[in-house]
Amino acid sequence: MKSQAIGDILLGSIIEREGPWRGLMEFFPTCDRELALAHLARMPPIHFDRVTGKLALTFQTYVLRTPHHTILVDTCVGDQKGYPPPYILSPQPWLQGLAGHGIAFEDVDFVFCTHLHIDHTGWNTRLIDGRWVPTFPNAKYVFSKREYDFWAGQTQKNADPLGAVWTNNCLPVVEAGQALLVQDDFALDDTLWLSPVQGHTPGHVCINLSSRGRKAIITGDVVHHALQVAEPDWSSRFCLDPKMAALSRKRMLEALVDTDTLVCPIHFPGPTVGHVVSDGRGWSYRFKED
């Protein structure tokens, strides 16, 4: 993704991995396969690999450089986490991407997590001398309190099949005194604030940006793929409340369609950012032209 200027905010990204990832019906188990294939045929081919039959999904971290802060949004899968396949990824692309922005661990002021899933929290911590410690020693990590409390409860009940995500990626940040557990409408300042979009997880939030008349929204996993812009009722297999996720997605898309707000999904393939537009069939996603 090419860096974008949102007024005085410079928005870029770090790519951890990209390319084909999940099969169509595996990822969207309730979708209409023939309708999905018809939508995909009209989309840029980068969205779907016809050879493997897999949807293209990118894992990335957004980098925000404001006049006052260096901010990361969502921190991908991370390193040495001990996850099962397919979440065994090389750390080098992410580390090289961070360095490519001229950022050291010590330079990060804030880390925002849209939600606390495996592929959005990984680089929150790193393993040093057998202990998980915050990767960014000078940063405050902003977690939705609703989201944090939910996963804490799931882990304590052994109800989270990937409980190590909370234990290794989130709890050490709180124990280090670097976490801000905030309400869903938290605002850092007049250029960055949260908005709740429940369904994928109970405390999922979007990150809203505004500067000098320009607006953008980092959507997290409200939308995983451009298919969901055309068919917002299709929730992924990873949504804890598929009906609520679909409702949140429709509300968000209705607010964005045919506006100048730059949409910044986490998982869309490069060039990633773009706009929701109306067409003869409903809504579609259009990549931003350079």
C-alpha atoms as a PDB file:
ATOM      1  CA  MET A   1       0.000   0.000   0.000  1.00  0.00           C
ATOM      2  CA  LYS A   2       1.298   3.450  -0.881  1.00  0.00           C
ATOM      3  CA  SER A   3       1.366   6.011   1.897  1.00  0.00           C
ATOM      4  CA  GLN A   4      -1.639   8.327   2.013  1.00  0.00           C
ATOM      5  CA  ALA A   5      -1.946  11.845   3.418  1.00  0.00           C
ATOM      6  CA  ILE A   6      -5.045  12.355   5.557  1.00  0.00           C
ATOM      7  CA  GLY A   7      -4.556  16.062   6.118  1.00  0.00           C
ATOM      8  CA  ASP A   8      -1.637  16.274   8.525  1.00  0.00           C
ATOM      9  CA  ILE A   9      -1.679  12.503   9.158  1.00  0.00           C
ATOM     10  CA  LEU A  10       0.548  10.249   7.053  1.00  0.00           C
ATOM     11  CA  LEU A  11      -0.918   6.764   6.772  1.00  0.00           C
ATOM     12  CA  GLY A  12       1.156   3.785   5.650  1.00  0.00           C
ATOM     13  CA  SER A  13       1.262   0.059   6.308  1.00  0.00           C
ATOM     14  CA  ILE A  14       3.506  -2.863   7.144  1.00  0.00           C
ATOM     15  CA  ILE A  15       2.718  -6.087   5.265  1.00  0.00           C
ATOM     16  CA  GLU A  16       3.270  -9.306   7.211  1.00  0.00           C
ATOM     17  CA  ARG A  17       1.912 -11.648   4.539  1.00  0.00           C
ATOM     18  CA  GLU A  18      -0.297 -11.423   1.457  1.00  0.00           C
ATOM     19  CA  GLY A  19      -1.779 -13.629  -1.222  1.00  0.00           C
ATOM     20  CA  PRO A  20      -4.233 -16.567  -1.306  1.00  0.00           C
ATOM     21  CA  TRP A  21      -5.277 -17.651   2.181  1.00  0.00           C
ATOM     22  CA  ARG A  22      -8.686 -19.341   2.596  1.00  0.00           C
ATOM     23  CA  GLY A  23     -11.139 -21.148   0.330  1.00  0.00           C
ATOM     24  CA  LEU A  24     -14.364 -19.326  -0.519  1.00  0.00           C
ATOM     25  CA  MET A  25     -16.781 -21.640   1.312  1.00  0.00           C
ATOM     26  CA  GLU A  26     -14.310 -22.217   4.120  1.00  0.00           C
ATOM     27  CA  PHE A  27     -14.190 -18.501   4.852  1.00  0.00           C
ATOM     28  CA  PHE A  28     -17.823 -17.594   4.087  1.00  0.00           C
ATOM     29  CA  PRO A  29     -19.725 -20.789   4.920  1.00  0.00           C
ATOM     30  CA  THR A  30     -23.200 -19.277   4.396  1.00  0.00           C
ATOM     31  CA  CYS A  31     -22.502 -17.499   1.122  1.00  0.00           C
ATOM     32  CA  ASP A  32     -24.109 -18.337  -2.206  1.00  0.00           C
ATOM     33  CA  ARG A  33     -21.166 -19.850  -4.089  1.00  0.00           C
ATOM     34  CA  GLU A  34     -22.380 -19.080  -7.604  1.00  0.00           C
ATOM     35  CA  LEU A  35     -23.283 -15.509  -6.679  1.00  0.00           C
ATOM     36  CA  ALA A  36     -19.912 -15.070  -5.000  1.00  0.00           C
ATOM     37  CA  LEU A  37     -18.086 -16.317  -8.087  1.00  0.00           C
ATOM     38  CA  ALA A  38     -20.114 -13.914 -10.233  1.00  0.00           C
ATOM     39  CA  HIS A  39     -19.087 -11.014  -7.984  1.00  0.00           C
ATOM     40  CA  LEU A  40     -15.460 -12.135  -8.042  1.00  0.00           C
ATOM     41  CA  ALA A  41     -15.489 -12.272 -11.852  1.00  0.00           C
ATOM     42  CA  ARG A  42     -16.286  -8.551 -11.897  1.00  0.00           C
ATOM     43  CA  MET A  43     -13.605  -7.633  -9.354  1.00  0.00           C
ATOM     44  CA  PRO A  44      -9.908  -7.052  -9.967  1.00  0.00           C
ATOM     45  CA  PRO A  45      -8.272 -10.509 -10.081  1.00  0.00           C
ATOM     46  CA  ILE A  46      -6.068  -9.651  -7.109  1.00  0.00           C
ATOM     47  CA  HIS A  47      -9.035 -10.481  -4.821  1.00  0.00           C
ATOM     48  CA  PHE A  48      -9.237 -14.188  -5.730  1.00  0.00           C
ATOM     49  CA  ASP A  49      -6.817 -16.844  -6.947  1.00  0.00           C
ATOM     50  CA  ARG A  50      -8.681 -18.996  -9.432  1.00  0.00           C
ATOM     51  CA  VAL A  51      -5.915 -21.611  -9.538  1.00  0.00           C
ATOM     52  CA  THR A  52      -6.173 -22.459  -5.839  1.00  0.00           C
ATOM     53  CA  GLY A  53      -9.753 -21.309  -5.352  1.00  0.00           C
ATOM     54  CA  LYS A  54      -8.637 -19.198  -2.405  1.00  0.00           C
ATOM     55  CA  LEU A  55      -9.527 -15.664  -1.419  1.00  0.00           C
ATOM     56  CA  ALA A  56      -6.617 -13.254  -1.156  1.00  0.00           C
ATOM     57  CA  LEU A  57      -6.172 -11.868   2.355  1.00  0.00           C
ATOM     58  CA  THR A  58      -3.434  -9.532   3.536  1.00  0.00           C
ATOM     59  CA  PHE A  59      -2.157  -9.270   7.105  1.00  0.00           C
ATOM     60  CA  GLN A  60      -0.961  -5.755   7.811  1.00  0.00           C
ATOM     61  CA  THR A  61      -0.357  -3.095  10.429  1.00  0.00           C
ATOM     62  CA  TYR A  62      -1.295   0.504   9.759  1.00  0.00           C
ATOM     63  CA  VAL A  63       1.289   3.141  10.606  1.00  0.00           C
ATOM     64  CA  LEU A  64       0.066   6.628  11.471  1.00  0.00           C
ATOM     65  CA  ARG A  65       2.467   9.571  11.696  1.00  0.00           C
ATOM     66  CA  THR A  66       0.723  12.600  13.150  1.00  0.00           C
ATOM     67  CA  PRO A  67       2.329  15.932  14.091  1.00  0.00           C
ATOM     68  CA  HIS A  68       2.493  14.620  17.663  1.00  0.00           C
ATOM     69  CA  HIS A  69       2.524  10.816  17.662  1.00  0.00           C
ATOM     70  CA  THR A  70       3.712   7.627  15.989  1.00  0.00           C
ATOM     71  CA  ILE A  71       0.868   5.125  16.118  1.00  0.00           C
ATOM     72  CA  LEU A  72       0.439   1.492  15.063  1.00  0.00           C
ATOM     73  CA  VAL A  73      -2.991  -0.031  14.426  1.00  0.00           C
ATOM     74  CA  ASP A  74      -3.246  -3.839  14.739  1.00  0.00           C
ATOM     75  CA  THR A  75      -0.013  -5.791  15.018  1.00  0.00           C
ATOM     76  CA  CYS A  76      -0.507  -8.929  12.898  1.00  0.00           C
ATOM     77  CA  VAL A  77       0.537 -12.443  14.014  1.00  0.00           C
ATOM     78  CA  GLY A  78       3.972 -11.795  15.490  1.00  0.00           C
ATOM     79  CA  ASP A  79       6.923 -14.055  16.196  1.00  0.00           C
ATOM     80  CA  GLN A  80       7.549 -17.246  18.207  1.00  0.00           C
ATOM     81  CA  LYS A  81       3.931 -17.488  19.334  1.00  0.00           C
ATOM     82  CA  GLY A  82       3.668 -21.247  18.923  1.00  0.00           C
ATOM     83  CA  TYR A  83       0.475 -21.070  16.877  1.00  0.00           C
ATOM     84  CA  PRO A  84      -0.615 -23.938  14.631  1.00  0.00           C
ATOM     85  CA  PRO A  85      -0.585 -23.691  10.825  1.00  0.00           C
ATOM     86  CA  PRO A  86      -1.408 -21.574   8.911  1.00  0.00           C
ATOM     87  CA  TYR A  87      -0.266 -18.959  11.452  1.00  0.00           C
ATOM     88  CA  ILE A  88       3.423 -19.820  11.304  1.00  0.00           C
ATOM     89  CA  LEU A  89       4.868 -16.777   9.561  1.00  0.00           C
ATOM     90  CA  SER A  90       8.351 -15.372   9.125  1.00  0.00           C
ATOM     91  CA  PRO A  91       9.005 -12.324  11.326  1.00  0.00           C
ATOM     92  CA  GLN A  92      11.266 -10.683   8.761  1.00  0.00           C
ATOM     93  CA  PRO A  93       8.692  -8.983   6.491  1.00  0.00           C
ATOM     94  CA  TRP A  94       7.061  -7.222   9.451  1.00  0.00           C
ATOM     95  CA  LEU A  95      10.352  -6.203  11.070  1.00  0.00           C
ATOM     96  CA  GLN A  96      11.721  -4.978   7.752  1.00  0.00           C
ATOM     97  CA  GLY A  97       8.504  -3.069   7.110  1.00  0.00           C
ATOM     98  CA  LEU A  98       8.753  -1.288  10.449  1.00  0.00           C
ATOM     99  CA  ALA A  99      12.364  -0.386   9.748  1.00  0.00           C
ATOM    100  CA  GLY A 100      11.373   0.775   6.271  1.00  0.00           C
ATOM    101  CA  HIS A 101       9.224   3.440   7.910  1.00  0.00           C
ATOM    102  CA  GLY A 102      12.258   4.537   9.917  1.00  0.00           C
ATOM    103  CA  ILE A 103      10.626   3.393  13.159  1.00  0.00           C
ATOM    104  CA  ALA A 104      12.363   1.653  16.050  1.00  0.00           C
ATOM    105  CA  PHE A 105      10.452  -0.124  18.826  1.00  0.00           C
ATOM    106  CA  GLU A 106      11.187   2.792  21.154  1.00  0.00           C
ATOM    107  CA  ASP A 107       9.635   5.330  18.748  1.00  0.00           C
ATOM    108  CA  VAL A 108       6.046   4.075  18.969  1.00  0.00           C
ATOM    109  CA  ASP A 109       3.770   6.214  21.159  1.00  0.00           C
ATOM    110  CA  PHE A 110       0.488   4.315  20.847  1.00  0.00           C
ATOM    111  CA  VAL A 111      -0.691   0.887  19.707  1.00  0.00           C
ATOM    112  CA  PHE A 112      -4.403   0.556  18.909  1.00  0.00           C
ATOM    113  CA  CYS A 113      -6.027  -2.853  18.464  1.00  0.00           C
ATOM    114  CA  THR A 114      -9.383  -2.951  16.672  1.00  0.00           C
ATOM    115  CA  HIS A 115      -9.972  -6.271  18.446  1.00  0.00           C
ATOM    116  CA  LEU A 116      -7.948  -8.975  20.150  1.00  0.00           C
ATOM    117  CA  HIS A 117      -7.738 -11.791  17.618  1.00  0.00           C
ATOM    118  CA  ILE A 118      -4.619 -13.747  16.764  1.00  0.00           C
ATOM    119  CA  ASP A 119      -3.728 -11.744  13.634  1.00  0.00           C
ATOM    120  CA  HIS A 120      -4.251  -8.301  15.188  1.00  0.00           C
ATOM    121  CA  THR A 121      -2.214  -8.524  18.403  1.00  0.00           C
ATOM    122  CA  GLY A 122       0.887 -10.589  17.668  1.00  0.00           C
ATOM    123  CA  TRP A 123       3.578  -7.919  17.722  1.00  0.00           C
ATOM    124  CA  ASN A 124       2.125  -6.425  20.894  1.00  0.00           C
ATOM    125  CA  THR A 125       4.715  -8.528  22.700  1.00  0.00           C
ATOM    126  CA  ARG A 126       7.970 -10.327  22.045  1.00  0.00           C
ATOM    127  CA  LEU A 127       9.764 -13.143  23.843  1.00  0.00           C
ATOM    128  CA  ILE A 128      12.786 -12.030  25.880  1.00  0.00           C
ATOM    129  CA  ASP A 129      14.543 -14.418  28.285  1.00  0.00           C
ATOM    130  CA  GLY A 130      11.513 -16.688  28.279  1.00  0.00           C
ATOM    131  CA  ARG A 131       9.010 -13.914  29.105  1.00  0.00           C
ATOM    132  CA  TRP A 132       6.490 -12.090  26.955  1.00  0.00           C
ATOM    133  CA  VAL A 133       7.117  -8.361  27.287  1.00  0.00           C
ATOM    134  CA  PRO A 134       5.656  -5.342  25.440  1.00  0.00           C
ATOM    135  CA  THR A 135       7.448  -4.880  22.127  1.00  0.00           C
ATOM    136  CA  PHE A 136       7.149  -1.095  22.278  1.00  0.00           C
ATOM    137  CA  PRO A 137       8.547   0.022  25.643  1.00  0.00           C
ATOM    138  CA  ASN A 138       7.378   3.632  25.443  1.00  0.00           C
ATOM    139  CA  ALA A 139       3.919   3.004  23.987  1.00  0.00           C
ATOM    140  CA  LYS A 140       0.485   3.013  25.503  1.00  0.00           C
ATOM    141  CA  TYR A 141      -1.648   0.172  24.127  1.00  0.00           C
ATOM    142  CA  VAL A 142      -5.305   1.083  23.621  1.00  0.00           C
ATOM    143  CA  PHE A 143      -7.721  -1.846  24.095  1.00  0.00           C
ATOM    144  CA  SER A 144     -11.490  -1.687  24.261  1.00  0.00           C
ATOM    145  CA  LYS A 145     -12.309  -2.610  27.864  1.00  0.00           C
ATOM    146  CA  ARG A 146     -15.351  -4.531  26.655  1.00  0.00           C
ATOM    147  CA  GLU A 147     -13.125  -6.544  24.293  1.00  0.00           C
ATOM    148  CA  TYR A 148     -10.369  -7.138  26.846  1.00  0.00           C
ATOM    149  CA  ASP A 149     -12.776  -8.267  29.561  1.00  0.00           C
ATOM    150  CA  PHE A 150     -14.508 -10.689  27.187  1.00  0.00           C
ATOM    151  CA  TRP A 151     -11.309 -12.489  26.194  1.00  0.00           C
ATOM    152  CA  ALA A 152     -10.044 -12.479  29.767  1.00  0.00           C
ATOM    153  CA  GLY A 153     -13.243 -14.278  30.766  1.00  0.00           C
ATOM    154  CA  GLN A 154     -13.029 -16.735  27.866  1.00  0.00           C
ATOM    155  CA  THR A 155      -9.443 -17.609  28.710  1.00  0.00           C
ATOM    156  CA  GLN A 156     -10.159 -18.063  32.402  1.00  0.00           C
ATOM    157  CA  LYS A 157     -13.026 -20.424  31.498  1.00  0.00           C
ATOM    158  CA  ASN A 158     -10.773 -22.257  29.009  1.00  0.00           C
ATOM    159  CA  ALA A 159     -13.414 -21.391  26.420  1.00  0.00           C
ATOM    160  CA  ASP A 160     -11.020 -19.663  24.029  1.00  0.00           C
ATOM    161  CA  PRO A 161      -9.388 -22.255  21.713  1.00  0.00           C
ATOM    162  CA  LEU A 162      -6.541 -19.793  21.165  1.00  0.00           C
ATOM    163  CA  GLY A 163      -6.336 -18.614  24.774  1.00  0.00           C
ATOM    164  CA  ALA A 164      -2.625 -17.946  24.439  1.00  0.00           C
ATOM    165  CA  VAL A 165      -3.530 -14.912  22.319  1.00  0.00           C
ATOM    166  CA  TRP A 166      -4.820 -13.062  25.391  1.00  0.00           C
ATOM    167  CA  THR A 167      -2.247 -14.578  27.750  1.00  0.00           C
ATOM    168  CA  ASN A 168       0.780 -13.823  25.589  1.00  0.00           C
ATOM    169  CA  ASN A 169      -0.282 -10.745  23.605  1.00  0.00           C
ATOM    170  CA  CYS A 170      -2.484  -8.726  25.959  1.00  0.00           C
ATOM    171  CA  LEU A 171      -2.046  -9.653  29.618  1.00  0.00           C
ATOM    172  CA  PRO A 172       1.704  -8.813  29.670  1.00  0.00           C
ATOM    173  CA  VAL A 173       0.886  -5.312  28.400  1.00  0.00           C
ATOM    174  CA  VAL A 174      -1.563  -4.753  31.250  1.00  0.00           C
ATOM    175  CA  GLU A 175       0.843  -6.187  33.804  1.00  0.00           C
ATOM    176  CA  ALA A 176       3.542  -3.800  32.537  1.00  0.00           C
ATOM    177  CA  GLY A 177       1.242  -0.829  33.150  1.00  0.00           C
ATOM    178  CA  GLN A 178       1.197   0.121  29.460  1.00  0.00           C
ATOM    179  CA  ALA A 179      -2.457  -0.592  28.668  1.00  0.00           C
ATOM    180  CA  LEU A 180      -5.308   1.875  28.387  1.00  0.00           C
ATOM    181  CA  LEU A 181      -8.589  -0.046  28.769  1.00  0.00           C
ATOM    182  CA  VAL A 182     -11.036   2.405  27.250  1.00  0.00           C
ATOM    183  CA  GLN A 183     -14.712   2.793  26.467  1.00  0.00           C
ATOM    184  CA  ASP A 184     -15.883   2.268  22.906  1.00  0.00           C
ATOM    185  CA  ASP A 185     -16.085   6.002  22.143  1.00  0.00           C
ATOM    186  CA  PHE A 186     -12.552   6.851  23.313  1.00  0.00           C
ATOM    187  CA  ALA A 187     -10.884   9.767  21.524  1.00  0.00           C
ATOM    188  CA  LEU A 188      -7.140  10.342  21.535  1.00  0.00           C
ATOM    189  CA  ASP A 189      -7.664  13.886  20.276  1.00  0.00           C
ATOM    190  CA  ASP A 190      -9.802  15.628  17.658  1.00  0.00           C
ATOM    191  CA  THR A 191      -8.053  13.719  14.853  1.00  0.00           C
ATOM    192  CA  LEU A 192      -8.456  10.115  16.088  1.00  0.00           C
ATOM    193  CA  TRP A 193     -11.335   8.380  17.844  1.00  0.00           C
ATOM    194  CA  LEU A 194     -12.980   4.978  18.150  1.00  0.00           C
ATOM    195  CA  SER A 195     -16.441   3.819  17.129  1.00  0.00           C
ATOM    196  CA  PRO A 196     -18.001   0.500  18.207  1.00  0.00           C
ATOM    197  CA  VAL A 197     -18.842  -2.124  15.576  1.00  0.00           C
ATOM    198  CA  GLN A 198     -19.767  -5.258  17.493  1.00  0.00           C
ATOM    199  CA  GLY A 199     -20.359  -8.697  16.051  1.00  0.00           C
ATOM    200  CA  HIS A 200     -17.074 -10.020  14.785  1.00  0.00           C
ATOM    201  CA  THR A 201     -16.065  -9.780  18.437  1.00  0.00           C
ATOM    202  CA  PRO A 202     -17.976  -8.207  21.362  1.00  0.00           C
ATOM    203  CA  GLY A 203     -15.763  -5.127  21.657  1.00  0.00           C
ATOM    204  CA  HIS A 204     -14.593  -4.588  18.100  1.00  0.00           C
ATOM    205  CA  VAL A 205     -13.924  -0.936  17.224  1.00  0.00           C
ATOM    206  CA  CYS A 206     -13.014   1.042  14.132  1.00  0.00           C
ATOM    207  CA  ILE A 207     -10.375   3.788  14.139  1.00  0.00           C
ATOM    208  CA  ASN A 208     -11.610   7.092  12.699  1.00  0.00           C
ATOM    209  CA  LEU A 209      -9.209   9.731  11.363  1.00  0.00           C
ATOM    210  CA  SER A 210      -9.879  13.362  10.473  1.00  0.00           C
ATOM    211  CA  SER A 211      -7.507  16.162   9.592  1.00  0.00           C
ATOM    212  CA  ARG A 212      -7.860  19.313   7.495  1.00  0.00           C
ATOM    213  CA  GLY A 213     -11.159  18.179   6.014  1.00  0.00           C
ATOM    214  CA  ARG A 214      -9.908  14.704   5.044  1.00  0.00           C
ATOM    215  CA  LYS A 215     -11.372  11.592   6.644  1.00  0.00           C
ATOM    216  CA  ALA A 216     -10.442   7.915   6.834  1.00  0.00           C
ATOM    217  CA  ILE A 217     -11.583   4.853   8.734  1.00  0.00           C
ATOM    218  CA  ILE A 218      -9.557   1.763   9.647  1.00  0.00           C
ATOM    219  CA  THR A 219     -12.163  -0.967   9.625  1.00  0.00           C
ATOM    220  CA  GLY A 220     -10.437  -3.920  11.279  1.00  0.00           C
ATOM    221  CA  ASP A 221     -12.481  -7.045  10.600  1.00  0.00           C
ATOM    222  CA  VAL A 222     -15.874  -5.457  10.024  1.00  0.00           C
ATOM    223  CA  VAL A 223     -15.046  -6.380   6.423  1.00  0.00           C
ATOM    224  CA  HIS A 224     -12.513  -9.062   5.552  1.00  0.00           C
ATOM    225  CA  HIS A 225     -13.012  -9.091   1.799  1.00  0.00           C
ATOM    226  CA  ALA A 226     -14.575  -6.960  -0.929  1.00  0.00           C
ATOM    227  CA  LEU A 227     -17.277  -9.628  -1.351  1.00  0.00           C
ATOM    228  CA  GLN A 228     -18.792  -8.340   1.884  1.00  0.00           C
ATOM    229  CA  VAL A 229     -19.240  -4.886   0.403  1.00  0.00           C
ATOM    230  CA  ALA A 230     -21.399  -6.399  -2.331  1.00  0.00           C
ATOM    231  CA  GLU A 231     -23.034  -8.876   0.076  1.00  0.00           C
ATOM    232  CA  PRO A 232     -22.885  -7.419   3.601  1.00  0.00           C
ATOM    233  CA  ASP A 233     -25.004 -10.249   5.039  1.00  0.00           C
ATOM    234  CA  TRP A 234     -22.127 -12.670   4.512  1.00  0.00           C
ATOM    235  CA  SER A 235     -20.163 -12.956   7.742  1.00  0.00           C
ATOM    236  CA  SER A 236     -16.925 -14.877   8.035  1.00  0.00           C
ATOM    237  CA  ARG A 237     -16.543 -18.137   9.915  1.00  0.00           C
ATOM    238  CA  PHE A 238     -14.587 -16.202  12.547  1.00  0.00           C
ATOM    239  CA  CYS A 239     -17.416 -13.856  13.541  1.00  0.00           C
ATOM    240  CA  LEU A 240     -18.670 -14.677  17.040  1.00  0.00           C
ATOM    241  CA  ASP A 241     -22.085 -13.167  16.336  1.00  0.00           C
ATOM    242  CA  PRO A 242     -22.632 -13.362  12.551  1.00  0.00           C
ATOM    243  CA  LYS A 243     -25.991 -11.548  12.593  1.00  0.00           C
ATOM    244  CA  MET A 244     -24.662  -8.646  14.653  1.00  0.00           C
ATOM    245  CA  ALA A 245     -21.533  -8.535  12.480  1.00  0.00           C
ATOM    246  CA  ALA A 246     -23.700  -8.218   9.363  1.00  0.00           C
ATOM    247  CA  LEU A 247     -25.804  -5.474  10.960  1.00  0.00           C
ATOM    248  CA  SER A 248     -22.700  -3.523  12.006  1.00  0.00           C
ATOM    249  CA  ARG A 249     -21.213  -3.951   8.539  1.00  0.00           C
ATOM    250  CA  LYS A 250     -24.353  -2.659   6.797  1.00  0.00           C
ATOM    251  CA  ARG A 251     -24.558   0.353   9.079  1.00  0.00           C
ATOM    252  CA  MET A 252     -20.921   1.194   8.434  1.00  0.00           C
ATOM    253  CA  LEU A 253     -21.191   0.754   4.681  1.00  0.00           C
ATOM    254  CA  GLU A 254     -24.351   2.859   4.527  1.00  0.00           C
ATOM    255  CA  ALA A 255     -22.471   5.678   6.239  1.00  0.00           C
ATOM    256  CA  LEU A 256     -19.514   5.368   3.846  1.00  0.00           C
ATOM    257  CA  VAL A 257     -21.092   4.791   0.444  1.00  0.00           C
ATOM    258  CA  ASP A 258     -20.379   7.522  -2.107  1.00  0.00           C
ATOM    259  CA  THR A 259     -18.488   9.672   0.398  1.00  0.00           C
ATOM    260  CA  ASP A 260     -14.899  10.906   0.316  1.00  0.00           C
ATOM    261  CA  THR A 261     -13.986   8.932   3.451  1.00  0.00           C
ATOM    262  CA  LEU A 262     -10.981   6.737   2.688  1.00  0.00           C
ATOM    263  CA  VAL A 263     -11.693   3.154   3.713  1.00  0.00           C
ATOM    264  CA  CYS A 264      -8.703   1.289   5.153  1.00  0.00           C
ATOM    265  CA  PRO A 265      -9.394  -2.424   5.616  1.00  0.00           C
ATOM    266  CA  ILE A 266      -6.835  -4.649   7.281  1.00  0.00           C
ATOM    267  CA  HIS A 267      -7.169  -7.717   5.048  1.00  0.00           C
ATOM    268  CA  PHE A 268      -7.818  -6.357   1.542  1.00  0.00           C
ATOM    269  CA  PRO A 269      -4.952  -6.954  -0.907  1.00  0.00           C
ATOM    270  CA  GLY A 270      -2.788  -4.097  -2.141  1.00  0.00           C
ATOM    271  CA  PRO A 271      -3.475  -1.299  -2.996  1.00  0.00           C
ATOM    272  CA  THR A 272      -5.888  -1.940  -0.071  1.00  0.00           C
ATOM    273  CA  VAL A 273      -7.391   1.502   0.561  1.00  0.00           C
ATOM    274  CA  GLY A 274     -10.343   2.802  -1.391  1.00  0.00           C
ATOM    275  CA  HIS A 275     -13.984   3.820  -1.321  1.00  0.00           C
ATOM    276  CA  VAL A 276     -17.399   2.244  -1.049  1.00  0.00           C
ATOM    277  CA  VAL A 277     -19.431   3.178  -4.107  1.00  0.00           C
ATOM    278  CA  SER A 278     -22.937   2.491  -5.365  1.00  0.00           C
ATOM    279  CA  ASP A 279     -23.364   0.761  -8.698  1.00  0.00           C
ATOM    280  CA  GLY A 280     -26.183  -0.763 -10.680  1.00  0.00           C
ATOM    281  CA  ARG A 281     -26.203  -3.869  -8.492  1.00  0.00           C
ATOM    282  CA  GLY A 282     -25.777  -2.302  -5.062  1.00  0.00           C
ATOM    283  CA  TRP A 283     -22.456  -1.479  -3.427  1.00  0.00           C
ATOM    284  CA  SER A 284     -18.927  -2.275  -4.504  1.00  0.00           C
ATOM    285  CA  TYR A 285     -15.390  -1.489  -3.442  1.00  0.00           C
ATOM    286  CA  ARG A 286     -13.132   0.660  -5.582  1.00  0.00           C
ATOM    287  CA  PHE A 287      -9.413   0.929  -4.910  1.00  0.00           C
ATOM    288  CA  LYS A 288      -8.120   4.454  -4.616  1.00  0.00           C
ATOM    289  CA  GLU A 289      -6.474   5.644  -7.788  1.00  0.00           C
ATOM    290  CA  ASP A 290      -3.001   7.127  -7.394  1.00  0.00           C
END
